[in-house]
């Protein structure tokens, strides 16, 4: 890639960055808005999936013991919710790993 093409790509990146900053209400060069970090959001998601799986497991155990007032459809729905949330978490992990591998395979 020639030096001219690299400069054009850099100019486009800077223009897109300025445009996105203007849309978000940030001035160019200003610090990004503070918020939860990616790690915090990911950890919270993992904790929620874990809590849902533990709740479903407890319901299954209570149902197996014959606890009154606990119906099979309720147990099955909670189990399916836990399963769907776990599959979604696995898909997020797969996408994250794929993005990481794509970045690592980029030429410098």
N, C-alpha and C. Protein backbone atom coordinates (compact mmCIF):
# COMPACT_ATOMS: atom_id res chain seq x y z
N UNK A 1 0.85 -1.16 0.00
CA UNK A 1 0.00 0.00 0.00
C UNK A 1 0.90 1.23 0.00
N UNK A 2 0.62 2.15 -0.87
CA UNK A 2 1.47 3.33 -0.98
C UNK A 2 1.22 4.28 0.19
N UNK A 3 2.15 5.21 0.36
CA UNK A 3 2.04 6.19 1.43
C UNK A 3 0.81 7.08 1.22
N UNK A 4 0.49 7.36 -0.03
CA UNK A 4 -0.69 8.18 -0.35
C UNK A 4 -1.97 7.47 0.07
N UNK A 5 -2.06 6.16 -0.19
CA UNK A 5 -3.26 5.39 0.16
C UNK A 5 -3.41 5.29 1.68
N UNK A 6 -2.30 5.14 2.38
CA UNK A 6 -2.35 5.07 3.84
C UNK A 6 -2.87 6.38 4.41
N UNK A 7 -2.39 7.48 3.86
CA UNK A 7 -2.84 8.79 4.34
C UNK A 7 -4.33 8.99 4.08
N UNK A 8 -4.82 8.50 2.95
CA UNK A 8 -6.25 8.61 2.65
C UNK A 8 -7.08 7.78 3.62
N UNK A 9 -6.62 6.58 3.94
CA UNK A 9 -7.33 5.74 4.89
C UNK A 9 -7.35 6.40 6.27
N UNK A 10 -6.20 6.94 6.69
CA UNK A 10 -6.14 7.62 7.97
C UNK A 10 -7.08 8.83 8.00
N UNK A 11 -7.15 9.57 6.92
CA UNK A 11 -8.05 10.73 6.85
C UNK A 11 -9.50 10.28 6.96
N UNK A 12 -9.85 9.17 6.31
CA UNK A 12 -11.22 8.66 6.40
C UNK A 12 -11.54 8.21 7.83
N UNK A 13 -10.60 7.57 8.47
CA UNK A 13 -10.81 7.13 9.85
C UNK A 13 -11.02 8.33 10.76
N UNK A 14 -10.20 9.34 10.60
CA UNK A 14 -10.34 10.54 11.43
C UNK A 14 -11.67 11.24 11.17
N UNK A 15 -12.11 11.26 9.92
CA UNK A 15 -13.39 11.89 9.59
C UNK A 15 -14.54 11.12 10.22
N UNK A 16 -14.49 9.80 10.15
CA UNK A 16 -15.53 8.98 10.78
C UNK A 16 -15.53 9.13 12.29
N UNK A 17 -14.34 9.24 12.87
CA UNK A 17 -14.25 9.42 14.31
C UNK A 17 -14.85 10.77 14.72
N UNK A 18 -14.55 11.82 13.98
CA UNK A 18 -15.10 13.13 14.28
C UNK A 18 -16.62 13.14 14.10
N UNK A 19 -17.08 12.45 13.07
CA UNK A 19 -18.52 12.38 12.82
C UNK A 19 -19.23 11.63 13.94
N UNK A 20 -18.68 10.51 14.38
CA UNK A 20 -19.31 9.75 15.46
C UNK A 20 -19.24 10.51 16.78
N UNK A 21 -18.17 11.25 17.02
CA UNK A 21 -18.08 12.06 18.24
C UNK A 21 -19.13 13.17 18.22
N UNK A 22 -19.34 13.76 17.06
CA UNK A 22 -20.35 14.82 16.95
C UNK A 22 -21.75 14.27 17.18
N UNK A 23 -22.01 13.06 16.69
CA UNK A 23 -23.32 12.44 16.88
C UNK A 23 -23.57 12.08 18.33
N UNK A 24 -22.52 11.74 19.05
CA UNK A 24 -22.66 11.37 20.45
C UNK A 24 -22.64 12.60 21.36
N UNK A 25 -22.33 13.74 20.80
CA UNK A 25 -22.31 14.96 21.59
C UNK A 25 -20.97 15.23 22.23
N UNK A 26 -19.95 14.49 21.87
CA UNK A 26 -18.62 14.70 22.41
C UNK A 26 -17.85 15.62 21.49
N UNK A 27 -17.10 16.50 22.08
CA UNK A 27 -16.24 17.36 21.28
C UNK A 27 -15.03 16.55 20.85
N UNK A 28 -14.45 16.84 19.66
CA UNK A 28 -13.27 16.11 19.24
C UNK A 28 -12.14 16.29 20.26
N UNK A 29 -11.50 15.20 20.60
CA UNK A 29 -10.41 15.25 21.54
C UNK A 29 -10.86 15.16 22.98
N UNK A 30 -12.16 15.22 23.23
CA UNK A 30 -12.65 15.12 24.59
C UNK A 30 -12.63 13.67 25.04
N UNK A 31 -12.57 13.50 26.32
CA UNK A 31 -12.58 12.13 26.86
C UNK A 31 -13.93 11.49 26.60
N UNK A 32 -13.97 10.21 26.29
CA UNK A 32 -15.25 9.56 26.06
C UNK A 32 -16.09 9.56 27.33
N UNK A 33 -17.38 9.47 27.17
CA UNK A 33 -18.29 9.46 28.30
C UNK A 33 -17.99 8.27 29.19
N UNK A 34 -17.97 8.53 30.49
CA UNK A 34 -17.67 7.42 31.40
C UNK A 34 -18.89 6.54 31.54
N UNK A 35 -18.65 5.29 31.66
CA UNK A 35 -19.71 4.31 31.78
C UNK A 35 -19.08 3.00 32.20
N UNK A 36 -19.88 1.98 32.27
CA UNK A 36 -19.32 0.69 32.66
C UNK A 36 -18.35 0.18 31.60
N UNK A 37 -17.28 -0.44 32.06
CA UNK A 37 -16.30 -0.98 31.12
C UNK A 37 -16.85 -2.25 30.48
N UNK A 38 -16.21 -2.67 29.41
CA UNK A 38 -16.62 -3.88 28.72
C UNK A 38 -16.52 -5.08 29.66
N UNK A 39 -15.46 -5.11 30.46
CA UNK A 39 -15.28 -6.22 31.40
C UNK A 39 -16.42 -6.26 32.41
N UNK A 40 -16.86 -5.09 32.88
CA UNK A 40 -17.96 -5.05 33.85
C UNK A 40 -19.25 -5.55 33.23
N UNK A 41 -19.52 -5.13 32.00
CA UNK A 41 -20.74 -5.56 31.32
C UNK A 41 -20.70 -7.07 31.09
N UNK A 42 -19.56 -7.57 30.67
CA UNK A 42 -19.41 -9.01 30.43
C UNK A 42 -19.57 -9.80 31.73
N UNK A 43 -18.94 -9.32 32.78
CA UNK A 43 -19.04 -10.01 34.08
C UNK A 43 -20.48 -10.02 34.58
N UNK A 44 -21.18 -8.89 34.42
CA UNK A 44 -22.58 -8.83 34.85
C UNK A 44 -23.43 -9.82 34.05
N UNK A 45 -23.17 -9.93 32.75
CA UNK A 45 -23.90 -10.88 31.92
C UNK A 45 -23.64 -12.31 32.34
N UNK A 46 -22.40 -12.62 32.62
CA UNK A 46 -22.06 -13.97 33.06
C UNK A 46 -22.72 -14.28 34.40
N UNK A 47 -22.70 -13.31 35.29
CA UNK A 47 -23.34 -13.52 36.60
C UNK A 47 -24.85 -13.74 36.46
N UNK A 48 -25.49 -13.00 35.55
CA UNK A 48 -26.92 -13.18 35.34
C UNK A 48 -27.24 -14.57 34.78
N UNK A 49 -26.43 -15.04 33.84
CA UNK A 49 -26.63 -16.38 33.28
C UNK A 49 -26.42 -17.42 34.36
N UNK A 50 -25.40 -17.24 35.18
CA UNK A 50 -25.14 -18.17 36.27
C UNK A 50 -26.30 -18.20 37.25
N UNK A 51 -26.82 -17.04 37.61
CA UNK A 51 -27.94 -16.97 38.54
C UNK A 51 -29.18 -17.66 37.96
N UNK A 52 -29.42 -17.46 36.67
CA UNK A 52 -30.58 -18.09 36.03
C UNK A 52 -30.43 -19.61 36.02
N UNK A 53 -29.22 -20.11 35.77
CA UNK A 53 -28.99 -21.56 35.77
C UNK A 53 -29.14 -22.14 37.18
N UNK A 54 -28.65 -21.43 38.18
CA UNK A 54 -28.79 -21.92 39.55
C UNK A 54 -30.25 -21.94 39.97
N UNK A 55 -31.00 -20.91 39.58
CA UNK A 55 -32.43 -20.86 39.91
C UNK A 55 -33.16 -22.03 39.26
N UNK A 56 -32.87 -22.29 37.99
CA UNK A 56 -33.51 -23.41 37.28
C UNK A 56 -33.14 -24.74 37.94
N UNK A 57 -31.89 -24.87 38.33
CA UNK A 57 -31.45 -26.11 38.99
C UNK A 57 -32.17 -26.31 40.33
N UNK A 58 -32.34 -25.23 41.06
CA UNK A 58 -33.06 -25.32 42.34
C UNK A 58 -34.52 -25.71 42.11
N UNK A 59 -35.14 -25.15 41.08
CA UNK A 59 -36.53 -25.51 40.78
C UNK A 59 -36.65 -26.98 40.41
N UNK A 60 -35.71 -27.47 39.62
CA UNK A 60 -35.72 -28.89 39.24
C UNK A 60 -35.60 -29.76 40.48
N UNK A 61 -34.68 -29.40 41.35
CA UNK A 61 -34.48 -30.18 42.58
C UNK A 61 -35.74 -30.16 43.45
N UNK A 62 -36.33 -28.99 43.60
CA UNK A 62 -37.56 -28.88 44.40
C UNK A 62 -38.69 -29.69 43.77
N UNK A 63 -38.79 -29.67 42.43
CA UNK A 63 -39.84 -30.42 41.75
C UNK A 63 -39.62 -31.93 41.94
N UNK A 64 -38.35 -32.36 41.84
CA UNK A 64 -38.04 -33.78 42.01
C UNK A 64 -38.38 -34.27 43.41
N UNK A 65 -38.27 -33.40 44.38
CA UNK A 65 -38.60 -33.77 45.76
C UNK A 65 -40.10 -33.78 46.01
N UNK A 66 -40.85 -33.27 45.04
CA UNK A 66 -42.31 -33.27 45.16
C UNK A 66 -42.85 -32.11 45.98
N UNK A 67 -42.16 -31.00 45.96
CA UNK A 67 -42.61 -29.83 46.72
C UNK A 67 -43.96 -29.36 46.19
N UNK A 68 -44.92 -29.14 47.07
CA UNK A 68 -46.25 -28.72 46.61
C UNK A 68 -46.22 -27.29 46.05
N UNK A 69 -47.10 -27.06 45.08
CA UNK A 69 -47.22 -25.73 44.48
C UNK A 69 -46.26 -25.49 43.33
N UNK A 70 -45.45 -26.45 42.99
CA UNK A 70 -44.49 -26.31 41.90
C UNK A 70 -44.95 -27.18 40.74
N UNK A 71 -45.24 -26.56 39.62
CA UNK A 71 -45.77 -27.27 38.45
C UNK A 71 -44.67 -27.54 37.43
N UNK A 72 -44.83 -28.62 36.69
CA UNK A 72 -43.86 -29.00 35.67
C UNK A 72 -43.68 -27.92 34.60
N UNK A 73 -44.76 -27.30 34.08
CA UNK A 73 -44.54 -26.26 33.07
C UNK A 73 -43.68 -25.10 33.57
N UNK A 74 -43.84 -24.73 34.81
CA UNK A 74 -43.03 -23.66 35.39
C UNK A 74 -41.56 -24.06 35.41
N UNK A 75 -41.30 -25.29 35.81
CA UNK A 75 -39.92 -25.80 35.87
C UNK A 75 -39.32 -25.86 34.47
N UNK A 76 -40.09 -26.35 33.52
CA UNK A 76 -39.58 -26.47 32.14
C UNK A 76 -39.31 -25.11 31.53
N UNK A 77 -40.17 -24.12 31.80
CA UNK A 77 -39.96 -22.78 31.25
C UNK A 77 -38.67 -22.17 31.81
N UNK A 78 -38.47 -22.30 33.11
CA UNK A 78 -37.25 -21.75 33.72
C UNK A 78 -36.00 -22.47 33.21
N UNK A 79 -36.11 -23.77 33.01
CA UNK A 79 -34.99 -24.54 32.47
C UNK A 79 -34.65 -24.09 31.05
N UNK A 80 -35.68 -23.87 30.25
CA UNK A 80 -35.45 -23.40 28.88
C UNK A 80 -34.88 -21.99 28.85
N UNK A 81 -35.33 -21.12 29.75
CA UNK A 81 -34.77 -19.77 29.84
C UNK A 81 -33.28 -19.84 30.16
N UNK A 82 -32.91 -20.71 31.09
CA UNK A 82 -31.51 -20.87 31.46
C UNK A 82 -30.71 -21.40 30.27
N UNK A 83 -31.28 -22.33 29.54
CA UNK A 83 -30.60 -22.91 28.39
C UNK A 83 -30.39 -21.87 27.29
N UNK A 84 -31.42 -21.09 27.01
CA UNK A 84 -31.31 -20.06 25.96
C UNK A 84 -30.28 -19.00 26.36
N UNK A 85 -30.29 -18.58 27.62
CA UNK A 85 -29.34 -17.56 28.05
C UNK A 85 -27.91 -18.10 27.99
N UNK A 86 -27.72 -19.37 28.31
CA UNK A 86 -26.38 -19.96 28.23
C UNK A 86 -25.91 -20.05 26.77
N UNK A 87 -26.80 -20.46 25.87
CA UNK A 87 -26.43 -20.53 24.45
C UNK A 87 -26.09 -19.15 23.92
N UNK A 88 -26.82 -18.12 24.36
CA UNK A 88 -26.51 -16.75 23.93
C UNK A 88 -25.14 -16.33 24.44
N UNK A 89 -24.83 -16.68 25.68
CA UNK A 89 -23.52 -16.35 26.24
C UNK A 89 -22.41 -17.06 25.48
N UNK A 90 -22.62 -18.31 25.12
CA UNK A 90 -21.62 -19.05 24.35
C UNK A 90 -21.43 -18.40 22.98
N UNK A 91 -22.50 -17.95 22.37
CA UNK A 91 -22.39 -17.29 21.07
C UNK A 91 -21.63 -15.97 21.17
N UNK A 92 -21.86 -15.22 22.24
CA UNK A 92 -21.11 -13.98 22.46
C UNK A 92 -19.63 -14.31 22.61
N UNK A 93 -19.33 -15.35 23.38
CA UNK A 93 -17.94 -15.77 23.54
C UNK A 93 -17.31 -16.15 22.21
N UNK A 94 -18.05 -16.90 21.39
CA UNK A 94 -17.53 -17.31 20.09
C UNK A 94 -17.27 -16.11 19.19
N UNK A 95 -18.17 -15.15 19.20
CA UNK A 95 -17.98 -13.95 18.38
C UNK A 95 -16.80 -13.14 18.88
N UNK A 96 -16.64 -13.04 20.19
CA UNK A 96 -15.52 -12.31 20.75
C UNK A 96 -14.20 -12.96 20.37
N UNK A 97 -14.13 -14.27 20.46
CA UNK A 97 -12.91 -14.99 20.10
C UNK A 97 -12.63 -14.83 18.61
N UNK A 98 -13.66 -14.89 17.79
CA UNK A 98 -13.49 -14.71 16.35
C UNK A 98 -12.96 -13.31 16.03
N UNK A 99 -13.52 -12.30 16.69
CA UNK A 99 -13.05 -10.93 16.47
C UNK A 99 -11.61 -10.77 16.92
N UNK A 100 -11.27 -11.37 18.06
CA UNK A 100 -9.89 -11.32 18.55
C UNK A 100 -8.94 -11.97 17.56
N UNK A 101 -9.33 -13.14 17.03
CA UNK A 101 -8.46 -13.82 16.07
C UNK A 101 -8.33 -13.01 14.78
N UNK A 102 -9.40 -12.37 14.35
CA UNK A 102 -9.33 -11.53 13.15
C UNK A 102 -8.36 -10.37 13.36
N UNK A 103 -8.42 -9.77 14.54
CA UNK A 103 -7.52 -8.65 14.84
C UNK A 103 -6.08 -9.13 14.91
N UNK A 104 -5.86 -10.28 15.53
CA UNK A 104 -4.50 -10.80 15.65
C UNK A 104 -3.92 -11.22 14.31
N UNK A 105 -4.78 -11.58 13.36
CA UNK A 105 -4.30 -12.01 12.04
C UNK A 105 -4.14 -10.85 11.06
N UNK A 106 -4.47 -9.63 11.51
CA UNK A 106 -4.31 -8.48 10.61
C UNK A 106 -2.83 -8.19 10.41
N UNK A 107 -2.47 -7.86 9.19
CA UNK A 107 -1.07 -7.50 8.96
C UNK A 107 -0.76 -6.13 9.56
N UNK A 108 0.45 -5.97 10.02
CA UNK A 108 0.83 -4.70 10.65
C UNK A 108 1.30 -3.71 9.61
